[in-house]
Amino acid sequence: MKIGEAQDGGVRISRDKLNKLAHTVADTLAEIDAVGFLEDRNTIRQEARKMLEALLNEEARIDASARQKIANQRKIILEGSQEWDILYRKYYNDEVRKLGI
């Protein structure tokens, strides 16, 4: 799965929006007096974009793992049902805890 793709084929966040968010991060950091850049603002923006992209990719991996665990249940659990939602939250949170978050 690539950035901008959701498990169900929908869009999580477009590259354009990701770039805008990275610009906002760099601009906001530049406005803080206590923050000094060792690199130019564009380099900071690119690094922010890479970090955001990595975070979103990790979230997509966690989502896919939670969905797979539900799909592996002995009985069929329909997405959108209360049982599915409860299991999804449980498995999703289990994956997040594994990361120490």
PDB file of N, CA and C in Angstrom:
ATOM      1  N   MET A   1       0.843  -1.165   0.000  1.00  0.00           N
ATOM      2  CA  MET A   1       0.000   0.000   0.000  1.00  0.00           C
ATOM      3  C   MET A   1       0.894   1.235   0.000  1.00  0.00           C
ATOM      4  N   LYS A   2       0.521   2.228  -0.761  1.00  0.00           N
ATOM      5  CA  LYS A   2       1.303   3.448  -0.872  1.00  0.00           C
ATOM      6  C   LYS A   2       0.588   4.583  -0.162  1.00  0.00           C
ATOM      7  N   ILE A   3       1.358   5.627   0.139  1.00  0.00           N
ATOM      8  CA  ILE A   3       0.774   6.815   0.749  1.00  0.00           C
ATOM      9  C   ILE A   3      -0.343   7.306  -0.153  1.00  0.00           C
ATOM     10  N   GLY A   4      -1.429   7.717   0.416  1.00  0.00           N
ATOM     11  CA  GLY A   4      -2.541   8.195  -0.385  1.00  0.00           C
ATOM     12  C   GLY A   4      -3.548   7.111  -0.709  1.00  0.00           C
ATOM     13  N   GLU A   5      -3.244   5.872  -0.368  1.00  0.00           N
ATOM     14  CA  GLU A   5      -4.173   4.771  -0.603  1.00  0.00           C
ATOM     15  C   GLU A   5      -4.633   4.222   0.731  1.00  0.00           C
ATOM     16  N   ALA A   6      -5.905   3.926   0.811  1.00  0.00           N
ATOM     17  CA  ALA A   6      -6.433   3.283   2.010  1.00  0.00           C
ATOM     18  C   ALA A   6      -6.625   1.812   1.717  1.00  0.00           C
ATOM     19  N   GLN A   7      -6.786   1.027   2.767  1.00  0.00           N
ATOM     20  CA  GLN A   7      -6.987  -0.415   2.621  1.00  0.00           C
ATOM     21  C   GLN A   7      -8.155  -0.714   1.693  1.00  0.00           C
ATOM     22  N   ASP A   8      -9.215   0.092   1.809  1.00  0.00           N
ATOM     23  CA  ASP A   8     -10.405  -0.163   1.012  1.00  0.00           C
ATOM     24  C   ASP A   8     -10.362   0.535  -0.340  1.00  0.00           C
ATOM     25  N   GLY A   9      -9.223   1.092  -0.719  1.00  0.00           N
ATOM     26  CA  GLY A   9      -9.074   1.752  -1.999  1.00  0.00           C
ATOM     27  C   GLY A   9      -9.351   3.243  -1.937  1.00  0.00           C
ATOM     28  N   GLY A  10      -9.840   3.736  -0.799  1.00  0.00           N
ATOM     29  CA  GLY A  10     -10.105   5.160  -0.632  1.00  0.00           C
ATOM     30  C   GLY A  10      -8.810   5.915  -0.432  1.00  0.00           C
ATOM     31  N   VAL A  11      -8.907   7.217  -0.327  1.00  0.00           N
ATOM     32  CA  VAL A  11      -7.722   8.049  -0.145  1.00  0.00           C
ATOM     33  C   VAL A  11      -7.636   8.485   1.300  1.00  0.00           C
ATOM     34  N   ARG A  12      -6.507   8.285   1.911  1.00  0.00           N
ATOM     35  CA  ARG A  12      -6.293   8.737   3.289  1.00  0.00           C
ATOM     36  C   ARG A  12      -5.886  10.206   3.283  1.00  0.00           C
ATOM     37  N   ILE A  13      -4.836  10.537   2.559  1.00  0.00           N
ATOM     38  CA  ILE A  13      -4.377  11.914   2.445  1.00  0.00           C
ATOM     39  C   ILE A  13      -3.608  12.029   1.126  1.00  0.00           C
ATOM     40  N   SER A  14      -3.898  13.051   0.391  1.00  0.00           N
ATOM     41  CA  SER A  14      -3.252  13.210  -0.914  1.00  0.00           C
ATOM     42  C   SER A  14      -1.829  13.732  -0.730  1.00  0.00           C
ATOM     43  N   ARG A  15      -1.017  13.521  -1.739  1.00  0.00           N
ATOM     44  CA  ARG A  15       0.359  14.028  -1.701  1.00  0.00           C
ATOM     45  C   ARG A  15       0.356  15.547  -1.591  1.00  0.00           C
ATOM     46  N   ASP A  16      -0.596  16.183  -2.260  1.00  0.00           N
ATOM     47  CA  ASP A  16      -0.704  17.636  -2.218  1.00  0.00           C
ATOM     48  C   ASP A  16      -0.974  18.113  -0.787  1.00  0.00           C
ATOM     49  N   LYS A  17      -1.898  17.438  -0.114  1.00  0.00           N
ATOM     50  CA  LYS A  17      -2.210  17.805   1.268  1.00  0.00           C
ATOM     51  C   LYS A  17      -1.031  17.506   2.185  1.00  0.00           C
ATOM     52  N   LEU A  18      -0.322  16.427   1.910  1.00  0.00           N
ATOM     53  CA  LEU A  18       0.859  16.088   2.692  1.00  0.00           C
ATOM     54  C   LEU A  18       1.921  17.176   2.539  1.00  0.00           C
ATOM     55  N   ASN A  19       2.117  17.664   1.325  1.00  0.00           N
ATOM     56  CA  ASN A  19       3.069  18.756   1.085  1.00  0.00           C
ATOM     57  C   ASN A  19       2.644  20.026   1.802  1.00  0.00           C
ATOM     58  N   LYS A  20       1.352  20.343   1.761  1.00  0.00           N
ATOM     59  CA  LYS A  20       0.851  21.534   2.456  1.00  0.00           C
ATOM     60  C   LYS A  20       1.072  21.417   3.956  1.00  0.00           C
ATOM     61  N   LEU A  21       0.846  20.233   4.495  1.00  0.00           N
ATOM     62  CA  LEU A  21       1.064  20.007   5.917  1.00  0.00           C
ATOM     63  C   LEU A  21       2.539  20.169   6.268  1.00  0.00           C
ATOM     64  N   ALA A  22       3.422  19.654   5.440  1.00  0.00           N
ATOM     65  CA  ALA A  22       4.864  19.795   5.677  1.00  0.00           C
ATOM     66  C   ALA A  22       5.281  21.266   5.618  1.00  0.00           C
ATOM     67  N   HIS A  23       4.699  22.027   4.687  1.00  0.00           N
ATOM     68  CA  HIS A  23       4.967  23.470   4.624  1.00  0.00           C
ATOM     69  C   HIS A  23       4.520  24.149   5.910  1.00  0.00           C
ATOM     70  N   THR A  24       3.349  23.777   6.395  1.00  0.00           N
ATOM     71  CA  THR A  24       2.818  24.358   7.629  1.00  0.00           C
ATOM     72  C   THR A  24       3.725  24.057   8.812  1.00  0.00           C
ATOM     73  N   VAL A  25       4.223  22.829   8.884  1.00  0.00           N
ATOM     74  CA  VAL A  25       5.145  22.450   9.962  1.00  0.00           C
ATOM     75  C   VAL A  25       6.401  23.313   9.899  1.00  0.00           C
ATOM     76  N   ALA A  26       7.016  23.413   8.724  1.00  0.00           N
ATOM     77  CA  ALA A  26       8.253  24.197   8.575  1.00  0.00           C
ATOM     78  C   ALA A  26       7.999  25.671   8.882  1.00  0.00           C
ATOM     79  N   ASP A  27       6.891  26.219   8.392  1.00  0.00           N
ATOM     80  CA  ASP A  27       6.572  27.628   8.629  1.00  0.00           C
ATOM     81  C   ASP A  27       6.313  27.897  10.110  1.00  0.00           C
ATOM     82  N   THR A  28       5.609  26.984  10.758  1.00  0.00           N
ATOM     83  CA  THR A  28       5.312  27.147  12.180  1.00  0.00           C
ATOM     84  C   THR A  28       6.588  27.084  13.012  1.00  0.00           C
ATOM     85  N   LEU A  29       7.458  26.155  12.698  1.00  0.00           N
ATOM     86  CA  LEU A  29       8.740  26.069  13.406  1.00  0.00           C
ATOM     87  C   LEU A  29       9.563  27.339  13.209  1.00  0.00           C
ATOM     88  N   ALA A  30       9.536  27.886  12.006  1.00  0.00           N
ATOM     89  CA  ALA A  30      10.311  29.091  11.704  1.00  0.00           C
ATOM     90  C   ALA A  30       9.820  30.292  12.508  1.00  0.00           C
ATOM     91  N   GLU A  31       8.550  30.287  12.890  1.00  0.00           N
ATOM     92  CA  GLU A  31       7.981  31.406  13.645  1.00  0.00           C
ATOM     93  C   GLU A  31       8.303  31.335  15.132  1.00  0.00           C
ATOM     94  N   ILE A  32       8.819  30.222  15.606  1.00  0.00           N
ATOM     95  CA  ILE A  32       9.133  30.065  17.031  1.00  0.00           C
ATOM     96  C   ILE A  32      10.543  30.590  17.276  1.00  0.00           C
ATOM     97  N   ASP A  33      10.635  31.597  18.150  1.00  0.00           N
ATOM     98  CA  ASP A  33      11.930  32.235  18.417  1.00  0.00           C
ATOM     99  C   ASP A  33      12.972  31.267  18.957  1.00  0.00           C
ATOM    100  N   ALA A  34      12.547  30.302  19.736  1.00  0.00           N
ATOM    101  CA  ALA A  34      13.480  29.360  20.364  1.00  0.00           C
ATOM    102  C   ALA A  34      13.988  28.298  19.393  1.00  0.00           C
ATOM    103  N   VAL A  35      13.457  28.284  18.173  1.00  0.00           N
ATOM    104  CA  VAL A  35      13.853  27.283  17.181  1.00  0.00           C
ATOM    105  C   VAL A  35      14.762  27.930  16.143  1.00  0.00           C
ATOM    106  N   GLY A  36      15.910  27.319  15.944  1.00  0.00           N
ATOM    107  CA  GLY A  36      16.818  27.767  14.900  1.00  0.00           C
ATOM    108  C   GLY A  36      17.050  26.638  13.913  1.00  0.00           C
ATOM    109  N   PHE A  37      17.139  26.959  12.641  1.00  0.00           N
ATOM    110  CA  PHE A  37      17.349  25.951  11.608  1.00  0.00           C
ATOM    111  C   PHE A  37      18.831  25.867  11.273  1.00  0.00           C
ATOM    112  N   LEU A  38      19.339  24.640  11.191  1.00  0.00           N
ATOM    113  CA  LEU A  38      20.701  24.423  10.724  1.00  0.00           C
ATOM    114  C   LEU A  38      20.720  24.242   9.214  1.00  0.00           C
ATOM    115  N   GLU A  39      19.544  24.010   8.657  1.00  0.00           N
ATOM    116  CA  GLU A  39      19.373  23.839   7.207  1.00  0.00           C
ATOM    117  C   GLU A  39      18.372  24.879   6.725  1.00  0.00           C
ATOM    118  N   ASP A  40      18.254  25.004   5.408  1.00  0.00           N
ATOM    119  CA  ASP A  40      17.278  25.947   4.864  1.00  0.00           C
ATOM    120  C   ASP A  40      15.857  25.406   5.066  1.00  0.00           C
ATOM    121  N   ARG A  41      14.882  26.272   4.955  1.00  0.00           N
ATOM    122  CA  ARG A  41      13.496  25.908   5.227  1.00  0.00           C
ATOM    123  C   ARG A  41      12.998  24.804   4.296  1.00  0.00           C
ATOM    124  N   ASN A  42      13.433  24.784   3.073  1.00  0.00           N
ATOM    125  CA  ASN A  42      12.993  23.744   2.139  1.00  0.00           C
ATOM    126  C   ASN A  42      13.480  22.360   2.589  1.00  0.00           C
ATOM    127  N   THR A  43      14.696  22.288   3.087  1.00  0.00           N
ATOM    128  CA  THR A  43      15.218  21.021   3.602  1.00  0.00           C
ATOM    129  C   THR A  43      14.397  20.568   4.807  1.00  0.00           C
ATOM    130  N   ILE A  44      14.046  21.515   5.672  1.00  0.00           N
ATOM    131  CA  ILE A  44      13.218  21.205   6.843  1.00  0.00           C
ATOM    132  C   ILE A  44      11.854  20.695   6.371  1.00  0.00           C
ATOM    133  N   ARG A  45      11.274  21.347   5.383  1.00  0.00           N
ATOM    134  CA  ARG A  45       9.974  20.936   4.838  1.00  0.00           C
ATOM    135  C   ARG A  45      10.058  19.521   4.279  1.00  0.00           C
ATOM    136  N   GLN A  46      11.118  19.221   3.548  1.00  0.00           N
ATOM    137  CA  GLN A  46      11.280  17.880   2.970  1.00  0.00           C
ATOM    138  C   GLN A  46      11.411  16.820   4.061  1.00  0.00           C
ATOM    139  N   GLU A  47      12.148  17.126   5.111  1.00  0.00           N
ATOM    140  CA  GLU A  47      12.294  16.181   6.223  1.00  0.00           C
ATOM    141  C   GLU A  47      10.969  15.992   6.955  1.00  0.00           C
ATOM    142  N   ALA A  48      10.226  17.080   7.135  1.00  0.00           N
ATOM    143  CA  ALA A  48       8.902  16.982   7.773  1.00  0.00           C
ATOM    144  C   ALA A  48       7.996  16.100   6.926  1.00  0.00           C
ATOM    145  N   ARG A  49       8.058  16.253   5.609  1.00  0.00           N
ATOM    146  CA  ARG A  49       7.240  15.443   4.707  1.00  0.00           C
ATOM    147  C   ARG A  49       7.611  13.962   4.819  1.00  0.00           C
ATOM    148  N   LYS A  50       8.913  13.685   4.868  1.00  0.00           N
ATOM    149  CA  LYS A  50       9.369  12.295   5.004  1.00  0.00           C
ATOM    150  C   LYS A  50       8.863  11.681   6.309  1.00  0.00           C
ATOM    151  N   MET A  51       8.940  12.452   7.389  1.00  0.00           N
ATOM    152  CA  MET A  51       8.495  11.960   8.692  1.00  0.00           C
ATOM    153  C   MET A  51       6.979  11.732   8.706  1.00  0.00           C
ATOM    154  N   LEU A  52       6.237  12.662   8.137  1.00  0.00           N
ATOM    155  CA  LEU A  52       4.782  12.506   8.058  1.00  0.00           C
ATOM    156  C   LEU A  52       4.418  11.299   7.202  1.00  0.00           C
ATOM    157  N   GLU A  53       5.113  11.130   6.096  1.00  0.00           N
ATOM    158  CA  GLU A  53       4.864   9.997   5.211  1.00  0.00           C
ATOM    159  C   GLU A  53       5.151   8.677   5.932  1.00  0.00           C
ATOM    160  N   ALA A  54       6.240   8.625   6.682  1.00  0.00           N
ATOM    161  CA  ALA A  54       6.582   7.414   7.435  1.00  0.00           C
ATOM    162  C   ALA A  54       5.513   7.126   8.491  1.00  0.00           C
ATOM    163  N   LEU A  55       5.056   8.169   9.148  1.00  0.00           N
ATOM    164  CA  LEU A  55       4.010   8.012  10.155  1.00  0.00           C
ATOM    165  C   LEU A  55       2.718   7.490   9.529  1.00  0.00           C
ATOM    166  N   LEU A  56       2.336   8.041   8.396  1.00  0.00           N
ATOM    167  CA  LEU A  56       1.123   7.593   7.715  1.00  0.00           C
ATOM    168  C   LEU A  56       1.270   6.163   7.186  1.00  0.00           C
ATOM    169  N   ASN A  57       2.452   5.819   6.723  1.00  0.00           N
ATOM    170  CA  ASN A  57       2.678   4.441   6.268  1.00  0.00           C
ATOM    171  C   ASN A  57       2.587   3.459   7.429  1.00  0.00           C
ATOM    172  N   GLU A  58       3.098   3.859   8.587  1.00  0.00           N
ATOM    173  CA  GLU A  58       3.017   3.004   9.773  1.00  0.00           C
ATOM    174  C   GLU A  58       1.560   2.847  10.200  1.00  0.00           C
ATOM    175  N   GLU A  59       0.804   3.929  10.121  1.00  0.00           N
ATOM    176  CA  GLU A  59      -0.617   3.856  10.465  1.00  0.00           C
ATOM    177  C   GLU A  59      -1.347   2.924   9.513  1.00  0.00           C
ATOM    178  N   ALA A  60      -1.007   2.965   8.238  1.00  0.00           N
ATOM    179  CA  ALA A  60      -1.624   2.074   7.248  1.00  0.00           C
ATOM    180  C   ALA A  60      -1.269   0.616   7.548  1.00  0.00           C
ATOM    181  N   ARG A  61      -0.042   0.368   7.993  1.00  0.00           N
ATOM    182  CA  ARG A  61       0.373  -0.984   8.350  1.00  0.00           C
ATOM    183  C   ARG A  61      -0.413  -1.491   9.563  1.00  0.00           C
ATOM    184  N   ILE A  62      -0.591  -0.620  10.545  1.00  0.00           N
ATOM    185  CA  ILE A  62      -1.353  -0.984  11.738  1.00  0.00           C
ATOM    186  C   ILE A  62      -2.800  -1.282  11.364  1.00  0.00           C
ATOM    187  N   ASP A  63      -3.383  -0.444  10.527  1.00  0.00           N
ATOM    188  CA  ASP A  63      -4.758  -0.644  10.060  1.00  0.00           C
ATOM    189  C   ASP A  63      -4.889  -1.986   9.344  1.00  0.00           C
ATOM    190  N   ALA A  64      -3.965  -2.273   8.444  1.00  0.00           N
ATOM    191  CA  ALA A  64      -4.010  -3.531   7.689  1.00  0.00           C
ATOM    192  C   ALA A  64      -3.872  -4.732   8.618  1.00  0.00           C
ATOM    193  N   SER A  65      -3.014  -4.607   9.627  1.00  0.00           N
ATOM    194  CA  SER A  65      -2.821  -5.705  10.566  1.00  0.00           C
ATOM    195  C   SER A  65      -4.092  -5.961  11.371  1.00  0.00           C
ATOM    196  N   ALA A  66      -4.733  -4.899  11.839  1.00  0.00           N
ATOM    197  CA  ALA A  66      -5.976  -5.047  12.597  1.00  0.00           C
ATOM    198  C   ALA A  66      -7.058  -5.681  11.728  1.00  0.00           C
ATOM    199  N   ARG A  67      -7.163  -5.234  10.478  1.00  0.00           N
ATOM    200  CA  ARG A  67      -8.156  -5.794   9.558  1.00  0.00           C
ATOM    201  C   ARG A  67      -7.886  -7.271   9.274  1.00  0.00           C
ATOM    202  N   GLN A  68      -6.615  -7.623   9.141  1.00  0.00           N
ATOM    203  CA  GLN A  68      -6.256  -9.013   8.859  1.00  0.00           C
ATOM    204  C   GLN A  68      -6.614  -9.914  10.032  1.00  0.00           C
ATOM    205  N   LYS A  69      -6.383  -9.439  11.246  1.00  0.00           N
ATOM    206  CA  LYS A  69      -6.728 -10.223  12.428  1.00  0.00           C
ATOM    207  C   LYS A  69      -8.233 -10.474  12.499  1.00  0.00           C
ATOM    208  N   ILE A  70      -9.016  -9.483  12.121  1.00  0.00           N
ATOM    209  CA  ILE A  70     -10.474  -9.669  12.103  1.00  0.00           C
ATOM    210  C   ILE A  70     -10.853 -10.676  11.017  1.00  0.00           C
ATOM    211  N   ALA A  71     -10.231 -10.557   9.862  1.00  0.00           N
ATOM    212  CA  ALA A  71     -10.527 -11.471   8.748  1.00  0.00           C
ATOM    213  C   ALA A  71     -10.144 -12.911   9.090  1.00  0.00           C
ATOM    214  N   ASN A  72      -9.182 -13.094   9.979  1.00  0.00           N
ATOM    215  CA  ASN A  72      -8.722 -14.430  10.349  1.00  0.00           C
ATOM    216  C   ASN A  72      -9.576 -15.095  11.432  1.00  0.00           C
ATOM    217  N   GLN A  73     -10.606 -14.427  11.894  1.00  0.00           N
ATOM    218  CA  GLN A  73     -11.490 -15.015  12.905  1.00  0.00           C
ATOM    219  C   GLN A  73     -12.207 -16.226  12.311  1.00  0.00           C
ATOM    220  N   ARG A  74     -12.596 -17.142  13.159  1.00  0.00           N
ATOM    221  CA  ARG A  74     -13.288 -18.353  12.687  1.00  0.00           C
ATOM    222  C   ARG A  74     -14.621 -18.026  12.027  1.00  0.00           C
ATOM    223  N   LYS A  75     -15.308 -17.042  12.573  1.00  0.00           N
ATOM    224  CA  LYS A  75     -16.595 -16.679  11.970  1.00  0.00           C
ATOM    225  C   LYS A  75     -16.434 -15.376  11.199  1.00  0.00           C
ATOM    226  N   ILE A  76     -17.329 -15.153  10.268  1.00  0.00           N
ATOM    227  CA  ILE A  76     -17.297 -13.938   9.463  1.00  0.00           C
ATOM    228  C   ILE A  76     -17.868 -12.795  10.296  1.00  0.00           C
ATOM    229  N   ILE A  77     -17.106 -11.729  10.394  1.00  0.00           N
ATOM    230  CA  ILE A  77     -17.537 -10.544  11.135  1.00  0.00           C
ATOM    231  C   ILE A  77     -17.632  -9.408  10.122  1.00  0.00           C
ATOM    232  N   LEU A  78     -18.825  -8.880   9.971  1.00  0.00           N
ATOM    233  CA  LEU A  78     -19.062  -7.853   8.964  1.00  0.00           C
ATOM    234  C   LEU A  78     -18.525  -6.496   9.412  1.00  0.00           C
ATOM    235  N   GLU A  79     -17.782  -5.866   8.506  1.00  0.00           N
ATOM    236  CA  GLU A  79     -17.279  -4.526   8.791  1.00  0.00           C
ATOM    237  C   GLU A  79     -18.455  -3.588   8.995  1.00  0.00           C
ATOM    238  N   GLY A  80     -18.348  -2.749  10.007  1.00  0.00           N
ATOM    239  CA  GLY A  80     -19.424  -1.827  10.324  1.00  0.00           C
ATOM    240  C   GLY A  80     -20.302  -2.317  11.462  1.00  0.00           C
ATOM    241  N   SER A  81     -20.200  -3.612  11.752  1.00  0.00           N
ATOM    242  CA  SER A  81     -20.976  -4.151  12.874  1.00  0.00           C
ATOM    243  C   SER A  81     -20.309  -3.732  14.183  1.00  0.00           C
ATOM    244  N   GLN A  82     -21.062  -3.787  15.260  1.00  0.00           N
ATOM    245  CA  GLN A  82     -20.526  -3.421  16.570  1.00  0.00           C
ATOM    246  C   GLN A  82     -19.351  -4.335  16.940  1.00  0.00           C
ATOM    247  N   GLU A  83     -19.504  -5.631  16.659  1.00  0.00           N
ATOM    248  CA  GLU A  83     -18.435  -6.582  16.968  1.00  0.00           C
ATOM    249  C   GLU A  83     -17.157  -6.240  16.188  1.00  0.00           C
ATOM    250  N   TRP A  84     -17.296  -5.902  14.905  1.00  0.00           N
ATOM    251  CA  TRP A  84     -16.153  -5.551  14.077  1.00  0.00           C
ATOM    252  C   TRP A  84     -15.454  -4.313  14.644  1.00  0.00           C
ATOM    253  N   ASP A  85     -16.256  -3.299  14.987  1.00  0.00           N
ATOM    254  CA  ASP A  85     -15.691  -2.060  15.522  1.00  0.00           C
ATOM    255  C   ASP A  85     -14.925  -2.299  16.813  1.00  0.00           C
ATOM    256  N   ILE A  86     -15.484  -3.125  17.693  1.00  0.00           N
ATOM    257  CA  ILE A  86     -14.825  -3.430  18.967  1.00  0.00           C
ATOM    258  C   ILE A  86     -13.499  -4.164  18.721  1.00  0.00           C
ATOM    259  N   LEU A  87     -13.544  -5.178  17.863  1.00  0.00           N
ATOM    260  CA  LEU A  87     -12.322  -5.929  17.554  1.00  0.00           C
ATOM    261  C   LEU A  87     -11.274  -5.045  16.874  1.00  0.00           C
ATOM    262  N   TYR A  88     -11.725  -4.196  15.941  1.00  0.00           N
ATOM    263  CA  TYR A  88     -10.797  -3.318  15.233  1.00  0.00           C
ATOM    264  C   TYR A  88     -10.064  -2.421  16.232  1.00  0.00           C
ATOM    265  N   ARG A  89     -10.825  -1.781  17.125  1.00  0.00           N
ATOM    266  CA  ARG A  89     -10.189  -0.908  18.124  1.00  0.00           C
ATOM    267  C   ARG A  89      -9.209  -1.694  18.991  1.00  0.00           C
ATOM    268  N   LYS A  90      -9.591  -2.893  19.400  1.00  0.00           N
ATOM    269  CA  LYS A  90      -8.720  -3.722  20.235  1.00  0.00           C
ATOM    270  C   LYS A  90      -7.430  -4.064  19.503  1.00  0.00           C
ATOM    271  N   TYR A  91      -7.554  -4.596  18.292  1.00  0.00           N
ATOM    272  CA  TYR A  91      -6.362  -5.004  17.542  1.00  0.00           C
ATOM    273  C   TYR A  91      -5.509  -3.805  17.138  1.00  0.00           C
ATOM    274  N   TYR A  92      -6.161  -2.708  16.767  1.00  0.00           N
ATOM    275  CA  TYR A  92      -5.431  -1.491  16.398  1.00  0.00           C
ATOM    276  C   TYR A  92      -4.621  -1.006  17.606  1.00  0.00           C
ATOM    277  N   ASN A  93      -5.274  -0.921  18.765  1.00  0.00           N
ATOM    278  CA  ASN A  93      -4.577  -0.471  19.965  1.00  0.00           C
ATOM    279  C   ASN A  93      -3.466  -1.428  20.380  1.00  0.00           C
ATOM    280  N   ASP A  94      -3.664  -2.729  20.181  1.00  0.00           N
ATOM    281  CA  ASP A  94      -2.610  -3.703  20.469  1.00  0.00           C
ATOM    282  C   ASP A  94      -1.370  -3.423  19.617  1.00  0.00           C
ATOM    283  N   GLU A  95      -1.580  -3.130  18.344  1.00  0.00           N
ATOM    284  CA  GLU A  95      -0.461  -2.827  17.437  1.00  0.00           C
ATOM    285  C   GLU A  95       0.245  -1.540  17.835  1.00  0.00           C
ATOM    286  N   VAL A  96      -0.529  -0.543  18.232  1.00  0.00           N
ATOM    287  CA  VAL A  96       0.068   0.730  18.664  1.00  0.00           C
ATOM    288  C   VAL A  96       0.902   0.519  19.931  1.00  0.00           C
ATOM    289  N   ARG A  97       0.373  -0.291  20.861  1.00  0.00           N
ATOM    290  CA  ARG A  97       1.110  -0.576  22.099  1.00  0.00           C
ATOM    291  C   ARG A  97       2.439  -1.278  21.808  1.00  0.00           C
ATOM    292  N   LYS A  98       2.460  -2.143  20.796  1.00  0.00           N
ATOM    293  CA  LYS A  98       3.701  -2.827  20.420  1.00  0.00           C
ATOM    294  C   LYS A  98       4.798  -1.830  20.049  1.00  0.00           C
ATOM    295  N   LEU A  99       4.373  -0.660  19.536  1.00  0.00           N
ATOM    296  CA  LEU A  99       5.331   0.381  19.148  1.00  0.00           C
ATOM    297  C   LEU A  99       5.780   1.210  20.345  1.00  0.00           C
ATOM    298  N   GLY A 100       5.137   0.977  21.489  1.00  0.00           N
ATOM    299  CA  GLY A 100       5.509   1.723  22.689  1.00  0.00           C
ATOM    300  C   GLY A 100       4.888   3.105  22.743  1.00  0.00           C
ATOM    301  N   ILE A 101       3.797   3.276  22.015  1.00  0.00           N
ATOM    302  CA  ILE A 101       3.132   4.589  21.984  1.00  0.00           C
ATOM    303  C   ILE A 101       2.012   4.615  22.990  1.00  0.00           C
TER     304      ILE A 101
END
